[in-house]
N, C-alpha and C. Protein backbone atom coordinates (compact mmCIF):
# COMPACT_ATOMS: atom_id res chain seq x y z
N MET A 1 0.84 -1.19 0.00
CA MET A 1 0.00 0.00 0.00
C MET A 1 0.89 1.25 0.00
N SER A 2 0.51 2.22 -0.80
CA SER A 2 1.29 3.46 -0.92
C SER A 2 1.09 4.36 0.30
N LYS A 3 2.10 5.15 0.58
CA LYS A 3 2.04 6.08 1.70
C LYS A 3 1.04 7.20 1.43
N PHE A 4 0.94 7.63 0.17
CA PHE A 4 0.05 8.73 -0.22
C PHE A 4 -0.92 8.28 -1.30
N SER A 5 -2.06 8.96 -1.37
CA SER A 5 -2.98 8.67 -2.47
C SER A 5 -2.75 9.61 -3.64
N LEU A 6 -2.24 10.83 -3.38
CA LEU A 6 -2.00 11.78 -4.47
C LEU A 6 -0.84 12.70 -4.10
N ILE A 7 0.15 12.76 -4.98
CA ILE A 7 1.26 13.69 -4.79
C ILE A 7 1.50 14.45 -6.09
N ALA A 8 2.30 15.50 -5.99
CA ALA A 8 2.62 16.33 -7.15
C ALA A 8 4.13 16.46 -7.29
N MET A 9 4.55 16.71 -8.51
CA MET A 9 5.94 17.01 -8.82
C MET A 9 5.94 17.78 -10.13
N GLY A 10 7.05 18.41 -10.47
CA GLY A 10 7.07 19.16 -11.71
C GLY A 10 8.46 19.25 -12.29
N GLY A 11 8.50 19.70 -13.54
CA GLY A 11 9.79 19.88 -14.20
C GLY A 11 9.62 20.24 -15.66
N THR A 12 10.76 20.50 -16.28
CA THR A 12 10.78 20.83 -17.70
C THR A 12 10.93 19.56 -18.53
N PHE A 13 11.69 18.60 -18.03
CA PHE A 13 11.87 17.31 -18.70
C PHE A 13 12.27 17.49 -20.17
N ASP A 14 13.26 18.36 -20.40
CA ASP A 14 13.71 18.62 -21.77
C ASP A 14 14.48 17.41 -22.32
N ILE A 15 15.54 17.05 -21.63
CA ILE A 15 16.27 15.82 -21.94
C ILE A 15 16.12 14.96 -20.69
N ILE A 16 15.36 13.90 -20.79
CA ILE A 16 15.08 13.10 -19.59
C ILE A 16 16.33 12.29 -19.25
N HIS A 17 16.81 12.49 -18.02
CA HIS A 17 18.05 11.85 -17.57
C HIS A 17 17.82 11.05 -16.29
N HIS A 18 18.89 10.44 -15.83
CA HIS A 18 18.81 9.55 -14.66
C HIS A 18 18.24 10.27 -13.42
N GLY A 19 18.54 11.55 -13.27
CA GLY A 19 17.98 12.30 -12.14
C GLY A 19 16.46 12.39 -12.23
N HIS A 20 15.94 12.60 -13.42
CA HIS A 20 14.48 12.63 -13.61
C HIS A 20 13.87 11.27 -13.28
N ILE A 21 14.54 10.22 -13.71
CA ILE A 21 14.03 8.86 -13.47
C ILE A 21 13.98 8.60 -11.96
N THR A 22 14.98 9.07 -11.24
CA THR A 22 15.00 8.91 -9.78
C THR A 22 13.83 9.65 -9.13
N LEU A 23 13.56 10.88 -9.57
CA LEU A 23 12.42 11.64 -9.06
C LEU A 23 11.11 10.91 -9.34
N LEU A 24 10.93 10.47 -10.58
CA LEU A 24 9.71 9.76 -10.97
C LEU A 24 9.57 8.47 -10.18
N SER A 25 10.65 7.74 -10.04
CA SER A 25 10.63 6.47 -9.31
C SER A 25 10.18 6.69 -7.86
N THR A 26 10.75 7.71 -7.23
CA THR A 26 10.36 8.04 -5.86
C THR A 26 8.87 8.35 -5.80
N ALA A 27 8.41 9.18 -6.72
CA ALA A 27 6.99 9.57 -6.74
C ALA A 27 6.08 8.36 -6.89
N PHE A 28 6.38 7.50 -7.86
CA PHE A 28 5.52 6.34 -8.10
C PHE A 28 5.63 5.30 -6.98
N ASP A 29 6.77 5.25 -6.29
CA ASP A 29 6.94 4.30 -5.19
C ASP A 29 6.09 4.67 -3.98
N ILE A 30 5.85 5.96 -3.76
CA ILE A 30 5.18 6.38 -2.52
C ILE A 30 3.72 6.80 -2.69
N SER A 31 3.23 6.86 -3.94
CA SER A 31 1.87 7.34 -4.12
C SER A 31 1.09 6.51 -5.14
N GLU A 32 -0.20 6.45 -4.91
CA GLU A 32 -1.10 5.74 -5.84
C GLU A 32 -1.25 6.52 -7.14
N LYS A 33 -1.23 7.86 -7.05
CA LYS A 33 -1.38 8.69 -8.25
C LYS A 33 -0.42 9.87 -8.14
N VAL A 34 0.16 10.26 -9.29
CA VAL A 34 1.11 11.36 -9.33
C VAL A 34 0.63 12.39 -10.36
N ILE A 35 0.53 13.64 -9.92
CA ILE A 35 0.30 14.73 -10.86
C ILE A 35 1.67 15.30 -11.20
N ILE A 36 1.98 15.31 -12.49
CA ILE A 36 3.27 15.81 -12.94
C ILE A 36 3.04 17.11 -13.69
N GLY A 37 3.58 18.19 -13.15
CA GLY A 37 3.50 19.46 -13.84
C GLY A 37 4.63 19.55 -14.85
N LEU A 38 4.27 19.80 -16.11
CA LEU A 38 5.26 19.92 -17.18
C LEU A 38 5.24 21.36 -17.65
N THR A 39 6.37 22.04 -17.51
CA THR A 39 6.41 23.47 -17.81
C THR A 39 6.08 23.77 -19.28
N SER A 40 5.24 24.77 -19.46
CA SER A 40 4.87 25.21 -20.80
C SER A 40 6.07 25.90 -21.45
N ASP A 41 6.02 26.03 -22.77
CA ASP A 41 7.10 26.72 -23.48
C ASP A 41 7.23 28.16 -23.00
N GLU A 42 6.10 28.82 -22.76
CA GLU A 42 6.12 30.22 -22.31
C GLU A 42 6.75 30.34 -20.92
N PHE A 43 6.38 29.43 -20.03
CA PHE A 43 6.91 29.48 -18.67
C PHE A 43 8.40 29.16 -18.64
N VAL A 44 8.83 28.22 -19.48
CA VAL A 44 10.25 27.88 -19.57
C VAL A 44 11.04 29.12 -19.97
N GLN A 45 10.53 29.86 -20.96
CA GLN A 45 11.23 31.07 -21.42
C GLN A 45 11.27 32.13 -20.31
N LYS A 46 10.17 32.26 -19.56
CA LYS A 46 10.14 33.22 -18.45
C LYS A 46 11.21 32.89 -17.41
N LYS A 47 11.49 31.60 -17.25
CA LYS A 47 12.50 31.16 -16.28
C LYS A 47 13.92 31.28 -16.86
N GLY A 48 14.02 31.72 -18.11
CA GLY A 48 15.33 31.93 -18.71
C GLY A 48 15.99 30.68 -19.25
N LYS A 49 15.20 29.62 -19.45
CA LYS A 49 15.76 28.38 -19.99
C LYS A 49 15.51 28.33 -21.49
N ASN A 50 16.37 27.59 -22.18
CA ASN A 50 16.23 27.40 -23.62
C ASN A 50 16.17 25.91 -23.93
N PRO A 51 14.99 25.32 -23.80
CA PRO A 51 14.91 23.88 -24.05
C PRO A 51 15.14 23.53 -25.52
N ILE A 52 15.62 22.35 -25.74
CA ILE A 52 15.82 21.84 -27.09
C ILE A 52 14.46 21.46 -27.70
N HIS A 53 13.59 20.90 -26.84
CA HIS A 53 12.31 20.38 -27.30
C HIS A 53 11.14 21.29 -26.89
N LYS A 54 10.18 21.40 -27.78
CA LYS A 54 8.94 22.13 -27.48
C LYS A 54 8.07 21.28 -26.56
N TYR A 55 7.07 21.92 -25.98
CA TYR A 55 6.19 21.26 -25.00
C TYR A 55 5.64 19.93 -25.52
N ASP A 56 5.08 19.92 -26.72
CA ASP A 56 4.45 18.69 -27.23
C ASP A 56 5.42 17.52 -27.30
N GLU A 57 6.65 17.80 -27.69
CA GLU A 57 7.64 16.73 -27.76
C GLU A 57 8.08 16.30 -26.36
N ARG A 58 8.23 17.26 -25.44
CA ARG A 58 8.58 16.91 -24.06
C ARG A 58 7.47 16.07 -23.43
N LEU A 59 6.22 16.42 -23.72
CA LEU A 59 5.07 15.66 -23.21
C LEU A 59 5.10 14.23 -23.75
N LYS A 60 5.33 14.09 -25.04
CA LYS A 60 5.38 12.78 -25.68
C LYS A 60 6.52 11.94 -25.08
N ASN A 61 7.70 12.54 -24.93
CA ASN A 61 8.86 11.82 -24.38
C ASN A 61 8.62 11.39 -22.93
N LEU A 62 8.06 12.29 -22.13
CA LEU A 62 7.80 11.99 -20.72
C LEU A 62 6.78 10.87 -20.60
N THR A 63 5.70 10.96 -21.35
CA THR A 63 4.67 9.93 -21.32
C THR A 63 5.25 8.58 -21.73
N SER A 64 6.04 8.56 -22.78
CA SER A 64 6.65 7.34 -23.28
C SER A 64 7.56 6.70 -22.22
N ILE A 65 8.39 7.51 -21.57
CA ILE A 65 9.30 7.01 -20.52
C ILE A 65 8.49 6.43 -19.36
N ILE A 66 7.42 7.11 -18.96
CA ILE A 66 6.61 6.61 -17.84
C ILE A 66 5.98 5.27 -18.19
N PHE A 67 5.39 5.16 -19.38
CA PHE A 67 4.78 3.90 -19.79
C PHE A 67 5.82 2.77 -19.84
N LYS A 68 7.03 3.10 -20.28
CA LYS A 68 8.09 2.10 -20.42
C LYS A 68 8.67 1.69 -19.07
N LYS A 69 9.03 2.67 -18.25
CA LYS A 69 9.74 2.38 -17.00
C LYS A 69 8.83 2.16 -15.79
N PHE A 70 7.62 2.70 -15.85
CA PHE A 70 6.71 2.61 -14.71
C PHE A 70 5.32 2.13 -15.17
N PRO A 71 5.28 0.94 -15.78
CA PRO A 71 3.99 0.45 -16.27
C PRO A 71 3.01 0.30 -15.11
N ASN A 72 1.76 0.44 -15.40
CA ASN A 72 0.68 0.31 -14.41
C ASN A 72 0.67 1.42 -13.37
N SER A 73 1.37 2.52 -13.64
CA SER A 73 1.36 3.66 -12.73
C SER A 73 0.21 4.58 -13.13
N TYR A 74 -0.39 5.20 -12.14
CA TYR A 74 -1.51 6.10 -12.38
C TYR A 74 -0.98 7.53 -12.27
N PHE A 75 -1.05 8.27 -13.37
CA PHE A 75 -0.50 9.63 -13.37
C PHE A 75 -1.33 10.54 -14.26
N GLU A 76 -1.11 11.82 -14.06
CA GLU A 76 -1.74 12.85 -14.88
C GLU A 76 -0.65 13.89 -15.13
N ILE A 77 -0.55 14.34 -16.37
CA ILE A 77 0.42 15.40 -16.68
C ILE A 77 -0.36 16.67 -16.93
N SER A 78 0.02 17.72 -16.21
CA SER A 78 -0.66 19.00 -16.28
C SER A 78 0.32 20.06 -16.76
N GLN A 79 -0.09 20.88 -17.71
CA GLN A 79 0.79 21.93 -18.20
C GLN A 79 0.99 22.99 -17.11
N LEU A 80 2.24 23.31 -16.84
CA LEU A 80 2.58 24.30 -15.82
C LEU A 80 2.83 25.66 -16.47
N ASN A 81 2.06 26.64 -16.03
CA ASN A 81 2.27 28.01 -16.49
C ASN A 81 2.76 28.89 -15.35
N ASN A 82 2.99 28.26 -14.18
CA ASN A 82 3.55 28.93 -13.01
C ASN A 82 4.31 27.88 -12.21
N ASP A 83 4.87 28.26 -11.07
CA ASP A 83 5.71 27.33 -10.32
C ASP A 83 4.99 26.14 -9.72
N PHE A 84 3.68 26.23 -9.50
CA PHE A 84 3.02 25.17 -8.74
C PHE A 84 1.85 24.47 -9.40
N GLY A 85 1.22 25.07 -10.37
CA GLY A 85 0.11 24.40 -11.05
C GLY A 85 -0.95 23.91 -10.08
N PRO A 86 -1.46 22.68 -10.30
CA PRO A 86 -2.57 22.18 -9.49
C PRO A 86 -2.24 21.95 -8.02
N ALA A 87 -0.97 21.87 -7.67
CA ALA A 87 -0.61 21.60 -6.27
C ALA A 87 -1.09 22.70 -5.33
N VAL A 88 -1.34 23.90 -5.86
CA VAL A 88 -1.79 25.02 -5.02
C VAL A 88 -3.26 24.88 -4.64
N PHE A 89 -4.07 24.36 -5.55
CA PHE A 89 -5.51 24.35 -5.29
C PHE A 89 -6.14 22.96 -5.16
N GLU A 90 -5.41 21.90 -5.46
CA GLU A 90 -5.94 20.54 -5.32
C GLU A 90 -5.84 20.13 -3.86
N LYS A 91 -6.97 20.11 -3.17
CA LYS A 91 -6.91 19.81 -1.73
C LYS A 91 -6.46 18.39 -1.44
N GLU A 92 -6.63 17.47 -2.40
CA GLU A 92 -6.25 16.08 -2.18
C GLU A 92 -4.75 15.82 -2.27
N VAL A 93 -3.98 16.80 -2.79
CA VAL A 93 -2.53 16.61 -2.88
C VAL A 93 -1.96 16.53 -1.46
N GLN A 94 -1.20 15.47 -1.21
CA GLN A 94 -0.67 15.23 0.13
C GLN A 94 0.83 15.51 0.25
N ALA A 95 1.53 15.49 -0.88
CA ALA A 95 2.98 15.68 -0.82
C ALA A 95 3.48 16.26 -2.13
N LEU A 96 4.67 16.85 -2.06
CA LEU A 96 5.35 17.39 -3.22
C LEU A 96 6.73 16.75 -3.27
N VAL A 97 7.06 16.15 -4.42
CA VAL A 97 8.38 15.55 -4.60
C VAL A 97 9.26 16.59 -5.30
N VAL A 98 10.40 16.89 -4.67
CA VAL A 98 11.33 17.90 -5.20
C VAL A 98 12.75 17.37 -5.12
N SER A 99 13.64 18.02 -5.85
CA SER A 99 15.07 17.69 -5.73
C SER A 99 15.68 18.62 -4.69
N ASP A 100 16.93 18.33 -4.31
CA ASP A 100 17.66 19.23 -3.40
C ASP A 100 17.62 20.66 -3.94
N GLU A 101 17.78 20.76 -5.26
CA GLU A 101 17.86 22.05 -5.94
C GLU A 101 16.57 22.87 -5.82
N THR A 102 15.42 22.19 -5.71
CA THR A 102 14.14 22.90 -5.71
C THR A 102 13.37 22.75 -4.39
N LYS A 103 14.04 22.30 -3.33
CA LYS A 103 13.32 22.02 -2.08
C LYS A 103 12.65 23.24 -1.47
N ASN A 104 13.18 24.44 -1.69
CA ASN A 104 12.56 25.64 -1.15
C ASN A 104 11.16 25.87 -1.71
N GLN A 105 10.90 25.33 -2.91
CA GLN A 105 9.57 25.47 -3.52
C GLN A 105 8.49 24.88 -2.62
N GLY A 106 8.84 23.85 -1.87
CA GLY A 106 7.87 23.22 -0.96
C GLY A 106 7.37 24.18 0.09
N ASN A 107 8.28 24.97 0.65
CA ASN A 107 7.88 25.94 1.67
C ASN A 107 6.97 27.01 1.08
N ILE A 108 7.30 27.45 -0.13
CA ILE A 108 6.47 28.46 -0.80
C ILE A 108 5.09 27.89 -1.11
N LEU A 109 5.07 26.64 -1.60
CA LEU A 109 3.80 25.99 -1.90
C LEU A 109 2.93 25.90 -0.64
N ASN A 110 3.52 25.49 0.47
CA ASN A 110 2.73 25.36 1.70
C ASN A 110 2.20 26.70 2.19
N LYS A 111 2.95 27.77 1.98
CA LYS A 111 2.46 29.11 2.33
C LYS A 111 1.25 29.45 1.48
N LEU A 112 1.33 29.19 0.17
CA LEU A 112 0.21 29.47 -0.73
C LEU A 112 -1.02 28.60 -0.39
N ARG A 113 -0.78 27.35 -0.03
CA ARG A 113 -1.90 26.47 0.34
C ARG A 113 -2.56 26.97 1.62
N THR A 114 -1.76 27.40 2.58
CA THR A 114 -2.30 27.91 3.84
C THR A 114 -3.18 29.14 3.58
N GLU A 115 -2.72 30.01 2.68
CA GLU A 115 -3.51 31.20 2.33
C GLU A 115 -4.86 30.81 1.72
N ARG A 116 -4.94 29.62 1.13
CA ARG A 116 -6.18 29.13 0.52
C ARG A 116 -6.94 28.18 1.46
N ASN A 117 -6.53 28.15 2.72
CA ASN A 117 -7.15 27.29 3.73
C ASN A 117 -7.06 25.81 3.38
N LEU A 118 -5.95 25.42 2.76
CA LEU A 118 -5.70 24.02 2.45
C LEU A 118 -4.59 23.50 3.35
N SER A 119 -4.62 22.21 3.60
CA SER A 119 -3.59 21.59 4.43
C SER A 119 -2.23 21.68 3.75
N PRO A 120 -1.18 21.87 4.54
CA PRO A 120 0.16 21.85 3.94
C PRO A 120 0.46 20.44 3.43
N VAL A 121 1.37 20.35 2.48
CA VAL A 121 1.77 19.05 1.95
C VAL A 121 3.11 18.64 2.56
N GLU A 122 3.35 17.36 2.58
CA GLU A 122 4.65 16.88 3.02
C GLU A 122 5.64 17.10 1.87
N ILE A 123 6.84 17.54 2.20
CA ILE A 123 7.86 17.79 1.19
C ILE A 123 8.81 16.60 1.17
N ILE A 124 8.88 15.92 0.04
CA ILE A 124 9.76 14.77 -0.13
C ILE A 124 10.95 15.24 -0.97
N VAL A 125 12.11 15.34 -0.34
CA VAL A 125 13.31 15.81 -1.03
C VAL A 125 14.12 14.61 -1.52
N VAL A 126 14.33 14.56 -2.83
CA VAL A 126 15.11 13.49 -3.45
C VAL A 126 16.50 14.06 -3.73
N PRO A 127 17.54 13.43 -3.17
CA PRO A 127 18.90 13.93 -3.41
C PRO A 127 19.22 13.96 -4.90
N MET A 128 20.06 14.91 -5.28
CA MET A 128 20.48 15.02 -6.67
C MET A 128 21.23 13.74 -7.06
N THR A 129 21.00 13.28 -8.26
CA THR A 129 21.70 12.11 -8.78
C THR A 129 23.03 12.58 -9.33
N LEU A 130 24.09 11.88 -8.94
CA LEU A 130 25.42 12.31 -9.34
C LEU A 130 25.92 11.54 -10.56
N ALA A 131 26.67 12.24 -11.38
CA ALA A 131 27.34 11.64 -12.53
C ALA A 131 28.58 10.91 -12.03
N LYS A 132 29.26 10.23 -12.93
CA LYS A 132 30.47 9.47 -12.57
C LYS A 132 31.58 10.34 -12.00
N ASP A 133 31.55 11.65 -12.29
CA ASP A 133 32.58 12.55 -11.76
C ASP A 133 32.20 13.16 -10.40
N GLY A 134 31.07 12.72 -9.84
CA GLY A 134 30.65 13.20 -8.53
C GLY A 134 29.87 14.50 -8.56
N LYS A 135 29.72 15.11 -9.74
CA LYS A 135 28.91 16.32 -9.87
C LYS A 135 27.50 15.90 -10.30
N ARG A 136 26.54 16.77 -10.07
CA ARG A 136 25.16 16.40 -10.35
C ARG A 136 24.87 16.23 -11.84
N ILE A 137 23.95 15.32 -12.12
CA ILE A 137 23.48 15.15 -13.50
C ILE A 137 22.49 16.28 -13.77
N SER A 138 22.66 16.95 -14.89
CA SER A 138 21.73 18.02 -15.25
C SER A 138 21.58 18.09 -16.76
N THR A 139 20.46 18.63 -17.19
CA THR A 139 20.22 18.81 -18.62
C THR A 139 21.30 19.72 -19.22
N THR A 140 21.72 20.74 -18.47
CA THR A 140 22.75 21.66 -18.96
C THR A 140 24.05 20.91 -19.25
N ARG A 141 24.44 20.04 -18.34
CA ARG A 141 25.68 19.28 -18.55
C ARG A 141 25.55 18.34 -19.75
N ILE A 142 24.36 17.79 -19.95
CA ILE A 142 24.14 16.90 -21.10
C ILE A 142 24.21 17.73 -22.39
N LYS A 143 23.55 18.90 -22.39
CA LYS A 143 23.58 19.77 -23.57
C LYS A 143 25.01 20.21 -23.90
N ASN A 144 25.83 20.39 -22.86
CA ASN A 144 27.23 20.81 -23.05
C ASN A 144 28.16 19.65 -23.41
N SER A 145 27.56 18.46 -23.59
CA SER A 145 28.31 17.25 -23.96
C SER A 145 29.37 16.86 -22.92
N GLU A 146 29.12 17.20 -21.64
CA GLU A 146 30.02 16.77 -20.56
C GLU A 146 29.71 15.33 -20.17
N ILE A 147 28.39 15.00 -20.12
CA ILE A 147 27.93 13.69 -19.67
C ILE A 147 26.78 13.23 -20.56
N ASP A 148 26.46 11.93 -20.45
CA ASP A 148 25.27 11.45 -21.12
C ASP A 148 24.12 11.42 -20.11
N SER A 149 22.95 10.96 -20.52
CA SER A 149 21.77 11.02 -19.64
C SER A 149 21.86 10.06 -18.45
N ASP A 150 22.84 9.14 -18.46
CA ASP A 150 23.06 8.26 -17.32
C ASP A 150 24.17 8.75 -16.40
N GLY A 151 24.81 9.87 -16.77
CA GLY A 151 25.87 10.43 -15.95
C GLY A 151 27.26 9.95 -16.29
N ASN A 152 27.37 9.24 -17.41
CA ASN A 152 28.70 8.82 -17.85
C ASN A 152 29.42 10.02 -18.48
N LEU A 153 30.71 10.14 -18.19
CA LEU A 153 31.50 11.24 -18.76
C LEU A 153 31.73 11.00 -20.24
N LEU A 154 31.61 12.05 -21.00
CA LEU A 154 31.84 11.95 -22.44
C LEU A 154 33.26 12.41 -22.76
N PRO A 155 33.89 11.79 -23.78
CA PRO A 155 35.25 12.20 -24.13
C PRO A 155 35.28 13.64 -24.63
N ILE A 156 36.35 14.30 -24.28
CA ILE A 156 36.54 15.70 -24.72
C ILE A 156 37.26 15.65 -26.05
N ASP A 157 36.64 16.25 -27.07
CA ASP A 157 37.28 16.29 -28.38
C ASP A 157 38.41 17.29 -28.36
N LYS A 158 39.56 16.87 -28.84
CA LYS A 158 40.73 17.77 -28.85
C LYS A 158 41.08 18.12 -30.27
């Protein structure tokens, strides 16, 4: 039996890497249903990011990975146009899964929920997944050809 009936998490999921898989795995391990906020193209730009893939392709890739790696999981993907999406107003949300990098978002979310007379959510912090060099796996590092999506170091062309 799962610890929670409904939790939320979010991300851009531009290049899905081992760190994303760890976040998703944690979410599906502890909850019967997961709401995944996927940042819209407009919101990504507001945050100053330049994704390789547009929203529709990121949605397709994320859905495909979930069906492949987490079959029989119950999830919903919601387009994020702000930092929190449905987690702010869905009273049934019991927890928020975040990385070390985004853990402060949990405190902000709980403040917003309190203002709406909703119960605070439990914040589940998933440690950053490290690459073979001991530094964190990130989409930026993958885009820069430092590592692959599993955290393996890539050869430097000379």
